Protein backbone atom coordinates (compact mmCIF):
# COMPACT_ATOMS: atom_id res chain seq x y z
CA MET A 1 41.35 148.29 91.88
CA GLY A 2 40.23 145.00 90.29
CA HIS A 3 43.85 143.90 90.12
CA LEU A 4 44.33 144.65 93.82
CA GLN A 5 41.27 142.59 94.78
CA ALA A 6 42.39 139.67 92.58
CA TYR A 7 45.88 139.83 94.06
CA ARG A 8 44.55 139.86 97.64
CA ALA A 9 42.22 136.94 96.86
CA ALA A 10 45.13 134.94 95.39
CA ALA A 11 47.32 135.75 98.36
CA GLY A 12 44.67 134.59 100.82
CA GLY A 13 43.27 138.05 101.47
CA LYS A 14 46.54 139.40 102.79
CA PRO A 15 48.11 142.54 101.49
CA PRO A 16 51.53 142.13 99.84
CA ALA A 17 54.52 142.02 102.16
CA SER A 18 56.52 145.14 102.68
CA LYS A 19 59.68 145.64 100.69
CA SER A 20 61.80 145.25 103.86
CA SER A 21 60.58 141.65 104.39
CA ARG A 22 61.22 140.52 100.82
CA PRO A 23 65.01 140.07 101.07
CA ALA A 24 64.67 137.71 104.07
CA GLY A 25 62.15 135.59 102.16
CA SER A 26 64.32 135.67 99.06
CA PHE A 27 67.38 134.68 101.09
CA THR A 28 65.48 131.72 102.58
CA ALA A 29 64.38 130.62 99.11
CA VAL A 30 67.95 130.86 97.80
CA ARG A 31 69.22 128.82 100.79
CA ARG A 32 66.59 126.16 100.09
CA LEU A 33 67.54 126.08 96.43
CA ILE A 34 71.25 125.73 97.29
CA PHE A 35 70.45 122.97 99.78
CA ALA A 36 68.33 121.14 97.17
CA LEU A 37 71.11 121.42 94.58
CA ALA A 38 73.72 120.21 97.08
CA THR A 39 71.52 117.23 97.98
CA LEU A 40 71.08 116.39 94.31
CA LEU A 41 74.85 116.61 93.77
CA VAL A 42 75.59 114.32 96.72
CA ALA A 43 72.98 111.82 95.54
CA THR A 44 74.44 111.88 92.03
CA VAL A 45 78.00 111.36 93.28
CA ALA A 46 76.95 108.58 95.66
CA GLY A 47 74.95 106.90 92.90
CA SER A 48 77.81 107.10 90.43
CA ALA A 49 80.32 105.79 93.00
CA SER A 50 78.23 102.68 93.55
CA TYR A 51 77.78 102.29 89.82
CA ALA A 52 81.51 102.76 89.28
CA GLN A 53 82.18 99.86 91.63
CA SER A 54 79.56 97.39 90.44
CA GLY A 55 81.89 94.86 88.77
CA PRO A 56 83.02 91.51 90.22
CA PHE A 57 85.87 93.03 92.26
CA ALA A 58 83.75 95.82 93.84
CA GLY A 59 83.79 94.44 97.39
CA MET A 60 87.52 93.77 97.56
CA ALA A 61 89.13 97.21 97.61
CA GLY A 62 91.35 97.96 100.59
CA ASN A 63 93.88 96.39 102.89
CA TRP A 64 93.46 92.91 104.35
CA ALA A 65 95.49 90.91 106.89
CA GLY A 66 95.43 87.49 108.49
CA GLY A 67 97.12 84.15 108.59
CA GLY A 68 97.12 80.56 107.51
CA SER A 69 99.52 77.83 106.58
CA VAL A 70 101.86 76.90 103.78
CA THR A 71 102.77 73.31 102.83
CA LEU A 72 106.27 72.96 101.38
CA ASP A 73 107.55 70.43 98.81
CA ASP A 74 108.91 68.15 101.55
CA GLY A 75 105.42 67.92 103.09
CA SER A 76 106.20 70.08 106.11
CA SER A 77 103.71 72.77 107.04
CA GLU A 78 104.29 76.18 108.62
CA ARG A 79 102.07 78.97 109.91
CA ILE A 80 102.16 82.13 107.77
CA ARG A 81 101.09 85.74 108.29
CA CYS A 82 99.75 87.62 105.26
CA ARG A 83 98.90 91.12 104.13
CA ALA A 84 96.94 91.88 100.98
CA SER A 85 96.20 95.13 99.24
CA TYR A 86 93.63 95.44 96.47
CA ALA A 87 93.01 98.45 94.23
CA VAL A 88 89.82 98.19 92.21
CA GLY A 89 89.28 100.14 88.99
CA ALA A 90 87.63 100.01 85.57
CA GLY A 91 84.16 100.17 87.10
CA GLY A 92 84.89 97.24 89.41
CA ASN A 93 86.18 95.10 86.52
CA GLY A 94 89.91 95.69 87.13
CA LEU A 95 91.99 94.58 90.09
CA ASN A 96 95.59 95.31 91.09
CA LEU A 97 96.69 93.06 93.92
CA ASN A 98 99.65 92.62 96.20
CA LEU A 99 99.79 89.60 98.53
CA LEU A 100 102.74 89.24 100.90
CA CYS A 101 102.98 86.15 103.13
CA ALA A 102 105.81 84.93 105.35
CA SER A 103 106.55 82.08 107.76
CA ALA A 104 109.69 81.24 109.73
CA SER A 105 111.44 79.90 106.62
CA TYR A 106 109.23 80.75 103.64
CA LYS A 107 108.10 83.96 101.98
CA PHE A 108 106.20 84.92 98.84
CA ASP A 109 105.40 88.37 97.48
CA LEU A 110 102.77 88.15 94.76
CA GLN A 111 101.63 91.05 92.58
CA GLY A 112 99.00 90.84 89.87
CA ASN A 113 96.73 92.73 87.52
CA VAL A 114 93.43 91.15 86.55
CA ILE A 115 90.62 92.21 84.22
CA ALA A 116 87.13 90.68 84.27
CA GLU A 117 85.02 90.53 81.16
CA ARG A 118 81.68 88.66 81.19
CA GLY A 119 82.83 86.33 83.95
CA ALA A 120 86.20 85.54 82.36
CA LEU A 121 89.34 86.67 84.19
CA SER A 122 92.72 87.32 82.60
CA GLY A 123 95.87 89.10 83.61
CA THR A 124 99.47 88.92 84.67
CA TRP A 125 101.30 88.12 87.89
CA SER A 126 104.80 88.24 89.32
CA GLU A 127 106.46 86.87 92.42
CA SER A 128 109.36 89.14 93.37
CA SER A 129 111.24 86.96 95.88
CA ARG A 130 111.80 84.29 93.17
CA GLY A 131 111.85 86.60 90.16
CA ILE A 132 109.15 84.77 88.19
CA ASN A 133 106.11 86.05 86.34
CA GLY A 134 103.36 84.72 84.17
CA THR A 135 99.72 84.88 83.18
CA LEU A 136 96.41 84.43 84.97
CA GLN A 137 93.29 82.86 83.46
CA GLY A 138 90.05 81.96 85.16
CA ARG A 139 86.45 82.71 85.96
CA GLY A 140 84.68 84.46 88.75
CA GLY A 141 82.05 86.73 90.13
CA GLY A 142 79.84 87.17 93.16
CA GLY A 143 82.87 87.09 95.47
CA GLN A 144 84.17 83.72 94.21
CA PHE A 145 87.12 83.40 91.84
CA GLN A 146 88.95 80.39 90.38
CA VAL A 147 92.22 81.25 88.64
CA VAL A 148 95.14 79.34 87.14
CA ALA A 149 98.53 81.10 87.40
CA SER A 150 101.03 79.88 84.81
CA ALA A 151 104.70 80.53 84.08
CA GLY A 152 107.45 78.52 82.40
CA GLY A 153 107.48 75.21 84.31
CA PHE A 154 105.06 76.39 87.03
CA THR A 155 101.28 76.14 87.44
CA ALA A 156 99.17 76.98 90.47
CA ASN A 157 95.42 76.94 91.05
CA LEU A 158 94.13 79.82 93.13
CA SER A 159 90.70 79.98 94.72
CA LEU A 160 89.58 83.22 96.37
CA THR A 161 86.30 83.84 98.18
CA THR A 162 85.24 87.21 99.61
CA ARG A 163 82.20 87.66 101.86
CA GLY A 164 81.90 91.13 103.37
CA ASN A 165 85.07 91.79 105.38
CA LYS A 166 86.27 88.17 105.32
CA GLN A 167 88.31 86.50 102.62
CA SER A 168 89.77 83.04 102.12
CA ILE A 169 92.53 82.19 99.66
CA VAL A 170 93.65 78.66 98.75
CA ILE A 171 96.64 78.06 96.46
CA ARG A 172 97.61 74.61 95.13
CA ALA A 173 100.84 74.36 93.13
CA ASP A 174 102.65 71.66 91.21
CA ASN A 175 106.15 72.63 92.39
CA GLY A 176 108.04 75.12 94.56
CA PHE A 177 105.54 74.48 97.32
CA ARG A 178 102.46 72.32 97.52
CA GLY A 179 100.02 74.96 98.62
CA ALA A 180 98.87 77.63 100.98
CA SER A 181 95.64 78.45 102.74
CA MET A 182 94.87 81.86 104.24
CA SER A 183 92.01 83.62 106.00
CA LEU A 184 92.09 87.41 105.80
CA SER A 185 90.01 90.24 107.24
CA ARG A 186 89.73 93.78 105.95
CA SER A 187 91.81 96.06 108.16
């Protein structure tokens, strides 16, 4: 009898629920537990996704398009249309890029792989329409990158700035063409 009085006092003076009502309460508790676990899982995955993409290339992933101009060796200038595709990996520290630009008489198709380590950038590049390839060296972070692309007898300086869904690319070369300037938006 003392146990019954203590139980009722602990339960707020109410007698225990009938056995028929227990499964509904248990089912509700299990649903709440499953919901809490699912919420924890989603928060963990979302947190790890943002951590996985915290490197200097984190904001660049995706497809971009836009236009600009190219200045050829003879000094003439033409409007160009460009498409870029960036795949970001290695926790935001690796970048695979493809930049295709074309005007009425000029085209370049640039591919590259870049790794960032403590602000230093290094990698390789190739330009398929001319069949040349070389190395990339530079510095960058915070959406701003300065890179020198080198190959036998060719050097170009590349400056790339990304702010949200806008990107600007400026290329200055010593031969083949004088330079290019592009403004892209994420598509």
